Amino acid sequence: MSKTALLIIDMQNDYFPAGKYPLSGIEAAANNAHKVLVHFRENQQPIIHVRHEFTSPEAPFFIAGSEGSRIYHSLQPKEGEFDILKHEVNSFKETDLQALLDQEQITDLVIVGAMSHMCIDAVARAAADLGYNNTVLHDACATLDLEFNGTHVPAKQVHAAQMAALAFAYAEVIDTETFTANA
């Protein structure tokens, strides 16, 4: 029998416009993540908030204890929801995430958050490798422009390429409306 949990990855203040590392489309992604969060709360399904803190005080963002490392106001955990602190890109690495999923008998994950090309990618791939069935809600995730070898890659293209890669082998990739209408 399947049991689904919502994974909200790194929806923290530093990724929003007033933060130290703002992402393209983060506010729209947060609005969609909030819709999914409400859906999971209404259906009394497990919710896991994952937040990243760097261990070095010289980190560019997500400094431990800072306002920027706090979870965004509309996505704050409520009593009874799980909170995982991580220090690496992969939410499974050196955390209790897998133990928690096993304890709660979770088989399926709905993944939202940031950044599409980093922590969303890492958690979806790791979860698939561990045997979880993943759904990534592409419009509830955000990223930023990148540059490689002198080539500027707009956030929209970074996001699209990442979602295409995840959809190929690691997750069902759909939008928030499709998920909430069919869940």
N, C-alpha and C. Protein backbone atom coordinates (compact mmCIF):
# COMPACT_ATOMS: atom_id res chain seq x y z
N MET A 1 0.85 -1.19 0.00
CA MET A 1 0.00 0.00 0.00
C MET A 1 0.88 1.24 0.00
N SER A 2 0.57 2.20 -0.84
CA SER A 2 1.40 3.40 -0.93
C SER A 2 0.99 4.46 0.08
N LYS A 3 1.97 5.22 0.50
CA LYS A 3 1.74 6.35 1.41
C LYS A 3 2.62 7.50 0.92
N THR A 4 2.02 8.66 0.75
CA THR A 4 2.69 9.80 0.15
C THR A 4 3.01 10.87 1.18
N ALA A 5 4.19 11.46 1.03
CA ALA A 5 4.59 12.60 1.86
C ALA A 5 5.00 13.76 0.96
N LEU A 6 4.81 14.96 1.47
CA LEU A 6 5.26 16.17 0.78
C LEU A 6 6.64 16.54 1.31
N LEU A 7 7.58 16.75 0.41
CA LEU A 7 8.92 17.24 0.75
C LEU A 7 9.04 18.68 0.25
N ILE A 8 9.19 19.61 1.17
CA ILE A 8 9.40 21.01 0.81
C ILE A 8 10.87 21.31 1.05
N ILE A 9 11.59 21.56 -0.02
CA ILE A 9 13.05 21.69 0.05
C ILE A 9 13.49 23.15 0.01
N ASP A 10 14.16 23.60 1.03
CA ASP A 10 14.91 24.87 1.06
C ASP A 10 14.10 26.10 0.66
N MET A 11 12.86 26.18 1.05
CA MET A 11 12.08 27.39 0.77
C MET A 11 12.37 28.38 1.90
N GLN A 12 13.54 28.97 1.83
CA GLN A 12 14.07 29.82 2.89
C GLN A 12 14.23 31.27 2.43
N ASN A 13 14.21 32.16 3.39
CA ASN A 13 14.18 33.59 3.11
C ASN A 13 15.29 34.09 2.18
N ASP A 14 16.49 33.54 2.26
CA ASP A 14 17.58 34.02 1.42
C ASP A 14 17.31 33.84 -0.08
N TYR A 15 16.38 32.97 -0.45
CA TYR A 15 16.06 32.76 -1.85
C TYR A 15 15.02 33.75 -2.38
N PHE A 16 14.44 34.57 -1.50
CA PHE A 16 13.39 35.51 -1.88
C PHE A 16 13.99 36.89 -2.15
N PRO A 17 13.25 37.80 -2.80
CA PRO A 17 13.81 39.07 -3.25
C PRO A 17 14.63 39.85 -2.23
N ALA A 18 14.27 39.84 -0.97
CA ALA A 18 15.03 40.59 0.04
C ALA A 18 16.22 39.79 0.58
N GLY A 19 16.39 38.56 0.13
CA GLY A 19 17.44 37.69 0.65
C GLY A 19 18.77 37.88 -0.04
N LYS A 20 19.73 37.06 0.40
CA LYS A 20 21.10 37.15 -0.11
C LYS A 20 21.31 36.43 -1.45
N TYR A 21 20.36 35.57 -1.86
CA TYR A 21 20.56 34.77 -3.06
C TYR A 21 19.21 34.55 -3.76
N PRO A 22 18.57 35.64 -4.21
CA PRO A 22 17.22 35.51 -4.77
C PRO A 22 17.17 34.69 -6.05
N LEU A 23 16.11 33.92 -6.17
CA LEU A 23 15.91 33.05 -7.33
C LEU A 23 14.85 33.63 -8.26
N SER A 24 14.96 33.29 -9.50
CA SER A 24 13.97 33.68 -10.50
C SER A 24 12.70 32.86 -10.30
N GLY A 25 11.57 33.54 -10.18
CA GLY A 25 10.30 32.84 -10.05
C GLY A 25 10.01 32.26 -8.68
N ILE A 26 10.77 32.64 -7.67
CA ILE A 26 10.60 32.03 -6.34
C ILE A 26 9.24 32.34 -5.72
N GLU A 27 8.72 33.54 -5.94
CA GLU A 27 7.43 33.87 -5.33
C GLU A 27 6.29 33.04 -5.93
N ALA A 28 6.30 32.85 -7.25
CA ALA A 28 5.30 32.00 -7.89
C ALA A 28 5.45 30.55 -7.41
N ALA A 29 6.68 30.09 -7.30
CA ALA A 29 6.93 28.73 -6.80
C ALA A 29 6.42 28.58 -5.37
N ALA A 30 6.66 29.59 -4.54
CA ALA A 30 6.19 29.54 -3.14
C ALA A 30 4.67 29.52 -3.08
N ASN A 31 4.02 30.29 -3.95
CA ASN A 31 2.54 30.28 -3.97
C ASN A 31 2.02 28.90 -4.33
N ASN A 32 2.64 28.25 -5.30
CA ASN A 32 2.22 26.89 -5.67
C ASN A 32 2.57 25.88 -4.58
N ALA A 33 3.73 26.03 -3.98
CA ALA A 33 4.11 25.14 -2.87
C ALA A 33 3.11 25.29 -1.73
N HIS A 34 2.66 26.51 -1.48
CA HIS A 34 1.67 26.74 -0.42
C HIS A 34 0.35 26.02 -0.73
N LYS A 35 -0.09 26.06 -1.99
CA LYS A 35 -1.32 25.35 -2.38
C LYS A 35 -1.18 23.85 -2.08
N VAL A 36 -0.03 23.30 -2.39
CA VAL A 36 0.20 21.87 -2.15
C VAL A 36 0.27 21.59 -0.65
N LEU A 37 0.92 22.48 0.08
CA LEU A 37 1.00 22.34 1.53
C LEU A 37 -0.40 22.32 2.14
N VAL A 38 -1.26 23.23 1.73
CA VAL A 38 -2.65 23.26 2.22
C VAL A 38 -3.36 21.96 1.88
N HIS A 39 -3.16 21.48 0.66
CA HIS A 39 -3.76 20.21 0.23
C HIS A 39 -3.33 19.06 1.15
N PHE A 40 -2.04 18.97 1.45
CA PHE A 40 -1.55 17.90 2.31
C PHE A 40 -2.08 18.06 3.73
N ARG A 41 -2.15 19.28 4.22
CA ARG A 41 -2.71 19.50 5.57
C ARG A 41 -4.18 19.10 5.63
N GLU A 42 -4.95 19.50 4.63
CA GLU A 42 -6.37 19.16 4.60
C GLU A 42 -6.60 17.67 4.54
N ASN A 43 -5.69 16.95 3.88
CA ASN A 43 -5.81 15.49 3.75
C ASN A 43 -5.03 14.73 4.81
N GLN A 44 -4.49 15.46 5.77
CA GLN A 44 -3.74 14.88 6.90
C GLN A 44 -2.67 13.90 6.44
N GLN A 45 -1.91 14.35 5.42
CA GLN A 45 -0.80 13.54 4.91
C GLN A 45 0.51 14.10 5.46
N PRO A 46 1.53 13.27 5.58
CA PRO A 46 2.81 13.71 6.14
C PRO A 46 3.47 14.83 5.33
N ILE A 47 4.04 15.77 6.06
CA ILE A 47 4.72 16.92 5.47
C ILE A 47 6.11 17.01 6.09
N ILE A 48 7.11 17.13 5.23
CA ILE A 48 8.49 17.21 5.70
C ILE A 48 9.12 18.48 5.14
N HIS A 49 9.51 19.37 6.05
CA HIS A 49 10.19 20.61 5.68
C HIS A 49 11.69 20.37 5.80
N VAL A 50 12.41 20.62 4.73
CA VAL A 50 13.86 20.47 4.73
C VAL A 50 14.46 21.85 4.55
N ARG A 51 15.40 22.19 5.43
CA ARG A 51 16.06 23.48 5.30
C ARG A 51 17.56 23.29 5.39
N HIS A 52 18.24 24.16 4.66
CA HIS A 52 19.69 24.06 4.52
C HIS A 52 20.35 25.15 5.35
N GLU A 53 21.37 24.78 6.08
CA GLU A 53 22.24 25.75 6.74
C GLU A 53 23.67 25.34 6.44
N PHE A 54 24.45 26.32 5.99
CA PHE A 54 25.87 26.06 5.79
C PHE A 54 26.57 26.07 7.14
N THR A 55 27.61 25.29 7.27
CA THR A 55 28.32 25.21 8.55
C THR A 55 29.35 26.31 8.72
N SER A 56 29.72 26.98 7.64
CA SER A 56 30.73 28.04 7.72
C SER A 56 30.06 29.41 7.86
N PRO A 57 30.54 30.24 8.79
CA PRO A 57 29.98 31.60 8.90
C PRO A 57 30.32 32.47 7.68
N GLU A 58 31.25 32.03 6.86
CA GLU A 58 31.60 32.76 5.64
C GLU A 58 30.73 32.36 4.45
N ALA A 59 29.75 31.51 4.66
CA ALA A 59 28.88 31.06 3.57
C ALA A 59 28.16 32.26 2.94
N PRO A 60 27.87 32.17 1.64
CA PRO A 60 27.23 33.29 0.97
C PRO A 60 25.76 33.50 1.36
N PHE A 61 25.11 32.47 1.86
CA PHE A 61 23.70 32.55 2.29
C PHE A 61 23.41 31.34 3.17
N PHE A 62 22.20 31.29 3.73
CA PHE A 62 21.78 30.21 4.65
C PHE A 62 22.75 30.05 5.81
N ILE A 63 23.16 31.16 6.39
CA ILE A 63 24.05 31.12 7.54
C ILE A 63 23.24 30.69 8.77
N ALA A 64 23.77 29.73 9.50
CA ALA A 64 23.07 29.18 10.67
C ALA A 64 22.58 30.29 11.59
N GLY A 65 21.30 30.20 11.95
CA GLY A 65 20.70 31.14 12.88
C GLY A 65 20.28 32.47 12.29
N SER A 66 20.56 32.70 11.00
CA SER A 66 20.22 33.98 10.38
C SER A 66 18.76 34.01 9.94
N GLU A 67 18.25 35.22 9.74
CA GLU A 67 16.89 35.38 9.21
C GLU A 67 16.79 34.75 7.82
N GLY A 68 17.85 34.83 7.06
CA GLY A 68 17.86 34.26 5.71
C GLY A 68 17.73 32.75 5.70
N SER A 69 18.13 32.08 6.76
CA SER A 69 18.05 30.62 6.82
C SER A 69 16.69 30.13 7.30
N ARG A 70 15.84 31.06 7.74
CA ARG A 70 14.50 30.66 8.21
C ARG A 70 13.60 30.30 7.04
N ILE A 71 12.67 29.41 7.28
CA ILE A 71 11.70 29.02 6.26
C ILE A 71 10.77 30.20 5.98
N TYR A 72 10.47 30.40 4.71
CA TYR A 72 9.62 31.49 4.24
C TYR A 72 8.28 31.48 4.98
N HIS A 73 7.75 32.66 5.28
CA HIS A 73 6.59 32.80 6.16
C HIS A 73 5.36 31.99 5.75
N SER A 74 5.06 31.88 4.46
CA SER A 74 3.85 31.17 4.05
C SER A 74 4.00 29.65 4.08
N LEU A 75 5.22 29.18 4.33
CA LEU A 75 5.48 27.73 4.31
C LEU A 75 5.98 27.22 5.65
N GLN A 76 5.81 28.01 6.70
CA GLN A 76 6.29 27.63 8.03
C GLN A 76 5.67 26.30 8.48
N PRO A 77 6.48 25.44 9.10
CA PRO A 77 5.96 24.18 9.63
C PRO A 77 4.95 24.42 10.76
N LYS A 78 4.00 23.52 10.85
CA LYS A 78 3.05 23.52 11.96
C LYS A 78 3.35 22.31 12.84
N GLU A 79 2.79 22.33 14.02
CA GLU A 79 2.97 21.21 14.95
C GLU A 79 2.53 19.91 14.27
N GLY A 80 3.33 18.88 14.44
CA GLY A 80 3.04 17.58 13.86
C GLY A 80 3.70 17.36 12.51
N GLU A 81 4.28 18.42 11.92
CA GLU A 81 5.00 18.29 10.67
C GLU A 81 6.48 18.09 10.97
N PHE A 82 7.17 17.46 10.08
CA PHE A 82 8.57 17.12 10.30
C PHE A 82 9.49 18.22 9.77
N ASP A 83 10.64 18.35 10.41
CA ASP A 83 11.63 19.37 10.04
C ASP A 83 12.99 18.68 10.00
N ILE A 84 13.62 18.75 8.85
CA ILE A 84 14.95 18.15 8.66
C ILE A 84 15.94 19.28 8.38
N LEU A 85 17.03 19.31 9.12
CA LEU A 85 18.11 20.26 8.87
C LEU A 85 19.20 19.53 8.12
N LYS A 86 19.66 20.15 7.02
CA LYS A 86 20.73 19.55 6.24
C LYS A 86 21.86 20.55 6.06
N HIS A 87 23.04 20.02 5.75
CA HIS A 87 24.21 20.85 5.50
C HIS A 87 24.83 20.56 4.14
N GLU A 88 24.16 19.75 3.35
CA GLU A 88 24.65 19.33 2.04
C GLU A 88 23.55 19.55 1.00
N VAL A 89 23.87 19.43 -0.26
CA VAL A 89 22.90 19.58 -1.34
C VAL A 89 21.85 18.48 -1.27
N ASN A 90 22.28 17.24 -1.10
CA ASN A 90 21.39 16.08 -1.05
C ASN A 90 20.72 16.00 0.33
N SER A 91 19.41 16.06 0.36
CA SER A 91 18.66 16.04 1.62
C SER A 91 18.81 14.73 2.40
N PHE A 92 19.26 13.68 1.74
CA PHE A 92 19.46 12.41 2.41
C PHE A 92 20.84 12.32 3.09
N LYS A 93 21.80 13.08 2.59
CA LYS A 93 23.18 12.96 3.07
C LYS A 93 23.33 13.50 4.48
N GLU A 94 23.74 12.62 5.38
CA GLU A 94 24.00 12.95 6.78
C GLU A 94 22.81 13.58 7.48
N THR A 95 21.58 13.12 7.11
CA THR A 95 20.36 13.53 7.80
C THR A 95 19.57 12.27 8.17
N ASP A 96 18.47 12.48 8.86
CA ASP A 96 17.58 11.39 9.25
C ASP A 96 16.42 11.22 8.27
N LEU A 97 16.51 11.81 7.07
CA LEU A 97 15.39 11.78 6.14
C LEU A 97 14.97 10.35 5.79
N GLN A 98 15.91 9.51 5.40
CA GLN A 98 15.51 8.15 5.01
C GLN A 98 14.92 7.39 6.20
N ALA A 99 15.50 7.54 7.37
CA ALA A 99 14.96 6.88 8.57
C ALA A 99 13.53 7.35 8.85
N LEU A 100 13.30 8.64 8.69
CA LEU A 100 11.96 9.19 8.90
C LEU A 100 10.98 8.63 7.88
N LEU A 101 11.37 8.59 6.62
CA LEU A 101 10.49 8.04 5.58
C LEU A 101 10.18 6.57 5.86
N ASP A 102 11.18 5.82 6.28
CA ASP A 102 10.96 4.42 6.62
C ASP A 102 10.04 4.28 7.84
N GLN A 103 10.30 5.08 8.85
CA GLN A 103 9.48 5.05 10.08
C GLN A 103 8.01 5.34 9.77
N GLU A 104 7.78 6.30 8.87
CA GLU A 104 6.41 6.69 8.51
C GLU A 104 5.83 5.84 7.37
N GLN A 105 6.61 4.87 6.90
CA GLN A 105 6.21 3.95 5.83
C GLN A 105 5.83 4.68 4.54
N ILE A 106 6.62 5.70 4.22
CA ILE A 106 6.40 6.49 3.02
C ILE A 106 6.95 5.74 1.81
N THR A 107 6.16 5.69 0.75
CA THR A 107 6.59 5.06 -0.50
C THR A 107 6.69 6.06 -1.64
N ASP A 108 5.92 7.15 -1.53
CA ASP A 108 5.82 8.12 -2.61
C ASP A 108 6.12 9.52 -2.07
N LEU A 109 6.83 10.31 -2.87
CA LEU A 109 7.19 11.67 -2.48
C LEU A 109 6.69 12.68 -3.50
N VAL A 110 6.15 13.77 -3.00
CA VAL A 110 5.83 14.93 -3.83
C VAL A 110 6.86 15.98 -3.44
N ILE A 111 7.63 16.45 -4.41
CA ILE A 111 8.78 17.30 -4.15
C ILE A 111 8.56 18.69 -4.73
N VAL A 112 8.77 19.70 -3.87
CA VAL A 112 8.70 21.11 -4.27
C VAL A 112 9.87 21.84 -3.62
N GLY A 113 10.23 23.02 -4.16
CA GLY A 113 11.24 23.82 -3.49
C GLY A 113 12.31 24.37 -4.40
N ALA A 114 13.50 24.47 -3.85
CA ALA A 114 14.60 25.15 -4.55
C ALA A 114 15.94 24.50 -4.20
N MET A 115 16.90 24.68 -5.02
CA MET A 115 16.92 25.14 -6.39
C MET A 115 16.71 23.94 -7.31
N SER A 116 16.02 24.18 -8.40
CA SER A 116 15.71 23.09 -9.34
C SER A 116 16.93 22.29 -9.75
N HIS A 117 18.00 22.99 -10.07
CA HIS A 117 19.19 22.32 -10.62
C HIS A 117 20.14 21.79 -9.55
N MET A 118 19.84 22.03 -8.30
CA MET A 118 20.73 21.56 -7.22
C MET A 118 19.98 20.63 -6.27
N CYS A 119 19.35 21.19 -5.26
CA CYS A 119 18.77 20.37 -4.20
C CYS A 119 17.54 19.59 -4.64
N ILE A 120 16.74 20.15 -5.56
CA ILE A 120 15.60 19.38 -6.08
C ILE A 120 16.12 18.20 -6.91
N ASP A 121 17.07 18.46 -7.76
CA ASP A 121 17.69 17.40 -8.55
C ASP A 121 18.28 16.32 -7.64
N ALA A 122 19.06 16.74 -6.66
CA ALA A 122 19.75 15.77 -5.79
C ALA A 122 18.77 14.91 -5.01
N VAL A 123 17.74 15.51 -4.44
CA VAL A 123 16.80 14.73 -3.62
C VAL A 123 15.97 13.81 -4.51
N ALA A 124 15.56 14.26 -5.68
CA ALA A 124 14.76 13.40 -6.56
C ALA A 124 15.57 12.20 -7.04
N ARG A 125 16.80 12.44 -7.43
CA ARG A 125 17.64 11.32 -7.90
C ARG A 125 17.95 10.34 -6.77
N ALA A 126 18.31 10.88 -5.61
CA ALA A 126 18.62 10.00 -4.47
C ALA A 126 17.38 9.20 -4.05
N ALA A 127 16.24 9.86 -3.99
CA ALA A 127 15.01 9.18 -3.59
C ALA A 127 14.67 8.06 -4.58
N ALA A 128 14.79 8.34 -5.87
CA ALA A 128 14.52 7.30 -6.87
C ALA A 128 15.48 6.14 -6.70
N ASP A 129 16.75 6.44 -6.47
CA ASP A 129 17.74 5.38 -6.28
C ASP A 129 17.44 4.55 -5.04
N LEU A 130 16.79 5.16 -4.06
CA LEU A 130 16.43 4.45 -2.82
C LEU A 130 15.08 3.72 -2.94
N GLY A 131 14.42 3.87 -4.08
CA GLY A 131 13.18 3.12 -4.32
C GLY A 131 11.89 3.89 -4.11
N TYR A 132 11.96 5.18 -3.87
CA TYR A 132 10.74 5.98 -3.70
C TYR A 132 10.19 6.38 -5.06
N ASN A 133 8.89 6.50 -5.14
CA ASN A 133 8.22 7.00 -6.34
C ASN A 133 8.09 8.51 -6.18
N ASN A 134 8.59 9.27 -7.14
CA ASN A 134 8.65 10.72 -7.02
C ASN A 134 7.73 11.43 -7.99
N THR A 135 7.15 12.51 -7.49
CA THR A 135 6.45 13.48 -8.32
C THR A 135 7.06 14.83 -8.00
N VAL A 136 7.58 15.49 -9.01
CA VAL A 136 8.13 16.84 -8.85
C VAL A 136 7.13 17.80 -9.47
N LEU A 137 6.73 18.81 -8.70
CA LEU A 137 5.80 19.83 -9.20
C LEU A 137 6.63 20.99 -9.75
N HIS A 138 6.77 21.00 -11.07
CA HIS A 138 7.72 21.92 -11.70
C HIS A 138 7.41 23.39 -11.45
N ASP A 139 6.14 23.75 -11.28
CA ASP A 139 5.81 25.16 -11.06
C ASP A 139 5.84 25.54 -9.58
N ALA A 140 6.27 24.60 -8.74
CA ALA A 140 6.48 24.87 -7.32
C ALA A 140 7.96 24.74 -6.98
N CYS A 141 8.79 24.90 -8.01
CA CYS A 141 10.25 24.87 -7.87
C CYS A 141 10.82 26.10 -8.57
N ALA A 142 12.00 26.52 -8.14
CA ALA A 142 12.63 27.70 -8.73
C ALA A 142 14.14 27.52 -8.78
N THR A 143 14.76 28.34 -9.64
CA THR A 143 16.20 28.32 -9.79
C THR A 143 16.68 29.72 -10.17
N LEU A 144 17.86 29.82 -10.74
CA LEU A 144 18.39 31.11 -11.16
C LEU A 144 19.21 30.96 -12.42
N ASP A 145 19.58 32.10 -13.01
CA ASP A 145 20.45 32.09 -14.19
C ASP A 145 21.78 31.45 -13.81
N LEU A 146 22.37 30.75 -14.75
CA LEU A 146 23.69 30.16 -14.55
C LEU A 146 24.62 30.60 -15.67
N GLU A 147 25.89 30.38 -15.45
CA GLU A 147 26.88 30.64 -16.49
C GLU A 147 27.85 29.48 -16.50
N PHE A 148 28.19 29.04 -17.71
CA PHE A 148 29.18 27.98 -17.85
C PHE A 148 30.06 28.27 -19.05
N ASN A 149 31.33 28.35 -18.80
CA ASN A 149 32.30 28.50 -19.89
C ASN A 149 31.98 29.69 -20.79
N GLY A 150 31.52 30.77 -20.17
CA GLY A 150 31.19 31.98 -20.92
C GLY A 150 29.80 32.00 -21.53
N THR A 151 29.04 30.95 -21.32
CA THR A 151 27.67 30.89 -21.85
C THR A 151 26.69 31.20 -20.74
N HIS A 152 25.85 32.22 -20.94
CA HIS A 152 24.81 32.57 -19.99
C HIS A 152 23.60 31.69 -20.25
N VAL A 153 23.08 31.05 -19.20
CA VAL A 153 21.90 30.19 -19.32
C VAL A 153 20.80 30.78 -18.45
N PRO A 154 19.73 31.31 -19.07
CA PRO A 154 18.64 31.90 -18.30
C PRO A 154 17.96 30.87 -17.39
N ALA A 155 17.45 31.33 -16.27
CA ALA A 155 16.81 30.46 -15.28
C ALA A 155 15.73 29.60 -15.90
N LYS A 156 14.94 30.17 -16.78
CA LYS A 156 13.86 29.42 -17.42
C LYS A 156 14.41 28.19 -18.16
N GLN A 157 15.55 28.35 -18.82
CA GLN A 157 16.16 27.23 -19.54
C GLN A 157 16.83 26.25 -18.58
N VAL A 158 17.46 26.75 -17.52
CA VAL A 158 18.05 25.88 -16.50
C VAL A 158 16.95 24.99 -15.92
N HIS A 159 15.84 25.62 -15.56
CA HIS A 159 14.72 24.90 -14.95
C HIS A 159 14.14 23.86 -15.93
N ALA A 160 13.91 24.27 -17.17
CA ALA A 160 13.34 23.35 -18.16
C ALA A 160 14.24 22.15 -18.41
N ALA A 161 15.54 22.40 -18.53
CA ALA A 161 16.48 21.30 -18.75
C ALA A 161 16.49 20.34 -17.55
N GLN A 162 16.45 20.90 -16.37
CA GLN A 162 16.46 20.05 -15.18
C GLN A 162 15.20 19.23 -15.05
N MET A 163 14.05 19.85 -15.31
CA MET A 163 12.79 19.12 -15.22
C MET A 163 12.73 18.02 -16.29
N ALA A 164 13.24 18.32 -17.48
CA ALA A 164 13.27 17.30 -18.55
C ALA A 164 14.14 16.12 -18.13
N ALA A 165 15.27 16.40 -17.53
CA ALA A 165 16.17 15.32 -17.08
C ALA A 165 15.51 14.48 -15.99
N LEU A 166 14.87 15.13 -15.04
CA LEU A 166 14.20 14.37 -13.97
C LEU A 166 13.05 13.54 -14.53
N ALA A 167 12.31 14.12 -15.46
CA ALA A 167 11.17 13.40 -16.05
C ALA A 167 11.61 12.18 -16.85
N PHE A 168 12.82 12.22 -17.36
CA PHE A 168 13.32 11.11 -18.17
C PHE A 168 13.44 9.83 -17.35
N ALA A 169 13.90 9.93 -16.09
CA ALA A 169 14.18 8.69 -15.36
C ALA A 169 13.95 8.74 -13.85
N TYR A 170 13.66 9.89 -13.29
CA TYR A 170 13.65 9.98 -11.83
C TYR A 170 12.33 10.39 -11.19
N ALA A 171 11.41 10.96 -11.96
CA ALA A 171 10.18 11.45 -11.35
C ALA A 171 9.12 11.69 -12.41
N GLU A 172 7.89 11.68 -11.97
CA GLU A 172 6.83 12.23 -12.79
C GLU A 172 6.91 13.74 -12.55
N VAL A 173 6.94 14.52 -13.59
CA VAL A 173 7.07 15.97 -13.47
C VAL A 173 5.79 16.59 -14.02
N ILE A 174 5.01 17.20 -13.11
CA ILE A 174 3.71 17.78 -13.48
C ILE A 174 3.56 19.14 -12.79
N ASP A 175 2.46 19.83 -13.12
CA ASP A 175 2.23 21.12 -12.47
C ASP A 175 1.33 20.95 -11.24
N THR A 176 1.26 21.99 -10.45
CA THR A 176 0.52 21.96 -9.19
C THR A 176 -0.97 21.69 -9.41
N GLU A 177 -1.55 22.37 -10.39
CA GLU A 177 -2.98 22.20 -10.64
C GLU A 177 -3.32 20.75 -11.01
N THR A 178 -2.52 20.15 -11.85
CA THR A 178 -2.74 18.75 -12.23
C THR A 178 -2.65 17.84 -11.00
N PHE A 179 -1.65 18.10 -10.17
CA PHE A 179 -1.50 17.27 -8.98
C PHE A 179 -2.69 17.41 -8.05
N THR A 180 -3.06 18.64 -7.69
CA THR A 180 -4.14 18.83 -6.70
C THR A 180 -5.49 18.36 -7.25
N ALA A 181 -5.67 18.44 -8.57
CA ALA A 181 -6.94 17.98 -9.16
C ALA A 181 -7.07 16.47 -9.15
N ASN A 182 -5.94 15.77 -9.14
CA ASN A 182 -5.96 14.31 -9.27
C ASN A 182 -5.52 13.58 -8.00
N ALA A 183 -5.11 14.30 -6.99
CA ALA A 183 -4.60 13.64 -5.77
C ALA A 183 -5.73 13.26 -4.83
